[in-house]
C-alpha atoms as a PDB file:
ATOM      1  CA  UNK A   1      32.380 -14.186  72.480  1.00  0.00           C
ATOM      2  CA  UNK A   2      30.187 -16.187  70.151  1.00  0.00           C
ATOM      3  CA  UNK A   3      30.097 -14.979  66.579  1.00  0.00           C
ATOM      4  CA  UNK A   4      27.731 -17.042  64.507  1.00  0.00           C
ATOM      5  CA  UNK A   5      26.236 -15.266  61.556  1.00  0.00           C
ATOM      6  CA  UNK A   6      22.966 -16.274  59.975  1.00  0.00           C
ATOM      7  CA  UNK A   7      22.285 -15.172  56.435  1.00  0.00           C
ATOM      8  CA  UNK A   8      19.105 -13.356  55.429  1.00  0.00           C
ATOM      9  CA  UNK A   9      18.096 -16.368  53.366  1.00  0.00           C
ATOM     10  CA  UNK A  10      18.535 -18.720  56.352  1.00  0.00           C
ATOM     11  CA  UNK A  11      16.630 -16.344  58.639  1.00  0.00           C
ATOM     12  CA  UNK A  12      13.725 -16.011  56.205  1.00  0.00           C
ATOM     13  CA  UNK A  13      13.592 -19.791  55.801  1.00  0.00           C
ATOM     14  CA  UNK A  14      13.574 -20.211  59.602  1.00  0.00           C
ATOM     15  CA  UNK A  15      10.715 -17.714  59.908  1.00  0.00           C
ATOM     16  CA  UNK A  16       8.686 -19.494  57.226  1.00  0.00           C
ATOM     17  CA  UNK A  17       9.219 -22.835  58.973  1.00  0.00           C
ATOM     18  CA  UNK A  18       8.238 -21.754  62.501  1.00  0.00           C
ATOM     19  CA  UNK A  19       6.701 -18.262  62.783  1.00  0.00           C
ATOM     20  CA  UNK A  20       3.015 -17.430  62.467  1.00  0.00           C
ATOM     21  CA  UNK A  21       3.664 -14.870  59.748  1.00  0.00           C
ATOM     22  CA  UNK A  22       0.270 -13.185  60.294  1.00  0.00           C
ATOM     23  CA  UNK A  23       1.571 -11.824  63.595  1.00  0.00           C
ATOM     24  CA  UNK A  24       4.394  -9.306  63.369  1.00  0.00           C
ATOM     25  CA  UNK A  25       7.503  -9.905  65.468  1.00  0.00           C
ATOM     26  CA  UNK A  26      10.203  -7.318  65.641  1.00  0.00           C
ATOM     27  CA  UNK A  27      13.803  -8.389  65.518  1.00  0.00           C
ATOM     28  CA  UNK A  28      15.931  -6.965  68.324  1.00  0.00           C
ATOM     29  CA  UNK A  29      13.056  -5.618  70.443  1.00  0.00           C
ATOM     30  CA  UNK A  30      12.188  -6.834  73.920  1.00  0.00           C
ATOM     31  CA  UNK A  31       8.459  -7.348  74.306  1.00  0.00           C
ATOM     32  CA  UNK A  32       7.087  -8.549  77.651  1.00  0.00           C
ATOM     33  CA  UNK A  33       3.760 -10.169  78.398  1.00  0.00           C
ATOM     34  CA  UNK A  34       2.041  -7.851  80.911  1.00  0.00           C
ATOM     35  CA  UNK A  35       0.959 -10.876  82.967  1.00  0.00           C
ATOM     36  CA  UNK A  36       4.483 -12.036  83.852  1.00  0.00           C
ATOM     37  CA  UNK A  37       6.417 -11.466  87.051  1.00  0.00           C
ATOM     38  CA  UNK A  38       9.232  -8.916  87.430  1.00  0.00           C
ATOM     39  CA  UNK A  39      11.688 -11.839  87.743  1.00  0.00           C
ATOM     40  CA  UNK A  40      10.438 -13.302  84.462  1.00  0.00           C
ATOM     41  CA  UNK A  41      10.794  -9.959  82.652  1.00  0.00           C
ATOM     42  CA  UNK A  42      14.283  -9.479  84.095  1.00  0.00           C
ATOM     43  CA  UNK A  43      15.490 -12.873  82.861  1.00  0.00           C
ATOM     44  CA  UNK A  44      13.969 -12.370  79.391  1.00  0.00           C
ATOM     45  CA  UNK A  45      15.862  -9.065  79.246  1.00  0.00           C
ATOM     46  CA  UNK A  46      19.114 -10.747  80.373  1.00  0.00           C
ATOM     47  CA  UNK A  47      18.779 -13.433  77.700  1.00  0.00           C
ATOM     48  CA  UNK A  48      18.227 -10.743  75.052  1.00  0.00           C
ATOM     49  CA  UNK A  49      21.193  -8.725  76.307  1.00  0.00           C
ATOM     50  CA  UNK A  50      23.357 -11.859  76.095  1.00  0.00           C
ATOM     51  CA  UNK A  51      22.241 -12.384  72.482  1.00  0.00           C
ATOM     52  CA  UNK A  52      22.876  -8.725  71.648  1.00  0.00           C
ATOM     53  CA  UNK A  53      26.389  -8.803  73.152  1.00  0.00           C
ATOM     54  CA  UNK A  54      27.138 -11.931  71.135  1.00  0.00           C
ATOM     55  CA  UNK A  55      25.865 -10.323  67.919  1.00  0.00           C
ATOM     56  CA  UNK A  56      22.988 -12.766  67.606  1.00  0.00           C
ATOM     57  CA  UNK A  57      19.559 -12.057  66.197  1.00  0.00           C
ATOM     58  CA  UNK A  58      16.729 -12.434  68.718  1.00  0.00           C
ATOM     59  CA  UNK A  59      12.964 -12.095  68.851  1.00  0.00           C
ATOM     60  CA  UNK A  60      10.664 -11.986  71.883  1.00  0.00           C
ATOM     61  CA  UNK A  61       7.080 -13.223  72.332  1.00  0.00           C
ATOM     62  CA  UNK A  62       7.138 -15.113  69.069  1.00  0.00           C
ATOM     63  CA  UNK A  63       3.874 -16.611  67.874  1.00  0.00           C
ATOM     64  CA  UNK A  64       4.548 -19.991  66.301  1.00  0.00           C
ATOM     65  CA  UNK A  65       2.540 -21.705  63.580  1.00  0.00           C
ATOM     66  CA  UNK A  66       1.180 -24.082  66.235  1.00  0.00           C
ATOM     67  CA  UNK A  67      -0.430 -21.180  68.108  1.00  0.00           C
ATOM     68  CA  UNK A  68       2.037 -21.350  71.004  1.00  0.00           C
ATOM     69  CA  UNK A  69       4.158 -18.384  72.096  1.00  0.00           C
ATOM     70  CA  UNK A  70       7.891 -18.552  72.865  1.00  0.00           C
ATOM     71  CA  UNK A  71       9.471 -16.007  75.237  1.00  0.00           C
ATOM     72  CA  UNK A  72      12.716 -15.606  73.293  1.00  0.00           C
ATOM     73  CA  UNK A  73      13.823 -17.054  69.987  1.00  0.00           C
ATOM     74  CA  UNK A  74      17.474 -16.967  68.900  1.00  0.00           C
ATOM     75  CA  UNK A  75      17.745 -18.751  65.520  1.00  0.00           C
ATOM     76  CA  UNK A  76      21.508 -19.277  65.770  1.00  0.00           C
ATOM     77  CA  UNK A  77      21.341 -21.485  68.866  1.00  0.00           C
ATOM     78  CA  UNK A  78      21.189 -25.271  68.762  1.00  0.00           C
ATOM     79  CA  UNK A  79      17.974 -24.976  70.799  1.00  0.00           C
ATOM     80  CA  UNK A  80      16.599 -21.649  69.564  1.00  0.00           C
ATOM     81  CA  UNK A  81      13.277 -21.568  71.484  1.00  0.00           C
ATOM     82  CA  UNK A  82      13.862 -20.218  74.988  1.00  0.00           C
ATOM     83  CA  UNK A  83      11.052 -20.435  77.506  1.00  0.00           C
ATOM     84  CA  UNK A  84      11.615 -18.544  80.770  1.00  0.00           C
ATOM     85  CA  UNK A  85       9.931 -19.969  83.847  1.00  0.00           C
ATOM     86  CA  UNK A  86       9.613 -18.347  87.252  1.00  0.00           C
ATOM     87  CA  UNK A  87       9.025 -20.662  90.203  1.00  0.00           C
ATOM     88  CA  UNK A  88       5.408 -19.537  90.517  1.00  0.00           C
ATOM     89  CA  UNK A  89       4.645 -20.107  86.854  1.00  0.00           C
ATOM     90  CA  UNK A  90       6.167 -23.502  86.048  1.00  0.00           C
ATOM     91  CA  UNK A  91       4.929 -24.657  82.681  1.00  0.00           C
ATOM     92  CA  UNK A  92       4.503 -28.299  81.821  1.00  0.00           C
ATOM     93  CA  UNK A  93       7.390 -29.804  79.876  1.00  0.00           C
ATOM     94  CA  UNK A  94       4.881 -30.612  77.122  1.00  0.00           C
ATOM     95  CA  UNK A  95       4.199 -26.902  76.520  1.00  0.00           C
ATOM     96  CA  UNK A  96       6.070 -27.094  73.230  1.00  0.00           C
ATOM     97  CA  UNK A  97       6.198 -30.868  72.915  1.00  0.00           C
ATOM     98  CA  UNK A  98       6.190 -30.700  69.118  1.00  0.00           C
ATOM     99  CA  UNK A  99       9.461 -28.747  69.353  1.00  0.00           C
ATOM    100  CA  UNK A 100      11.048 -30.694  72.220  1.00  0.00           C
ATOM    101  CA  UNK A 101      14.392 -30.918  70.398  1.00  0.00           C
ATOM    102  CA  UNK A 102      14.445 -27.133  69.787  1.00  0.00           C
ATOM    103  CA  UNK A 103      13.382 -25.748  73.171  1.00  0.00           C
ATOM    104  CA  UNK A 104      15.329 -24.979  76.305  1.00  0.00           C
ATOM    105  CA  UNK A 105      13.741 -23.962  79.580  1.00  0.00           C
ATOM    106  CA  UNK A 106      15.439 -21.292  81.682  1.00  0.00           C
ATOM    107  CA  UNK A 107      14.349 -21.029  85.311  1.00  0.00           C
ATOM    108  CA  UNK A 108      14.538 -17.754  87.212  1.00  0.00           C
ATOM    109  CA  UNK A 109      15.749 -19.558  90.344  1.00  0.00           C
ATOM    110  CA  UNK A 110      18.487 -21.592  88.607  1.00  0.00           C
ATOM    111  CA  UNK A 111      21.734 -20.648  86.910  1.00  0.00           C
ATOM    112  CA  UNK A 112      21.418 -20.925  83.143  1.00  0.00           C
ATOM    113  CA  UNK A 113      23.480 -21.584  80.067  1.00  0.00           C
ATOM    114  CA  UNK A 114      22.208 -21.156  76.574  1.00  0.00           C
ATOM    115  CA  UNK A 115      22.940 -23.881  74.037  1.00  0.00           C
END
């Protein structure tokens, strides 16, 4: 089991750096976009359950300063921005090009590991 702890100061700094602070995001809540597929919602939920089991802080549907939205954000990961893709909704790799070193794509049809 992973046990990485992030301090409140580090979390607040992370939020200031990346979050659109005008839009409220709730820590530890799973929020789904109504336009996504059941498979997409299931995998978002699985990712959040994994984070919860590993005592990690997570956010869903995070609005970034750039105006983009990330499915799941887990600040303690090496690549904290997690974008879930179902086969019928493949997003271009440039979706979050400005954060290419911080994002990982998780496909519904493929096995996944979180970094």
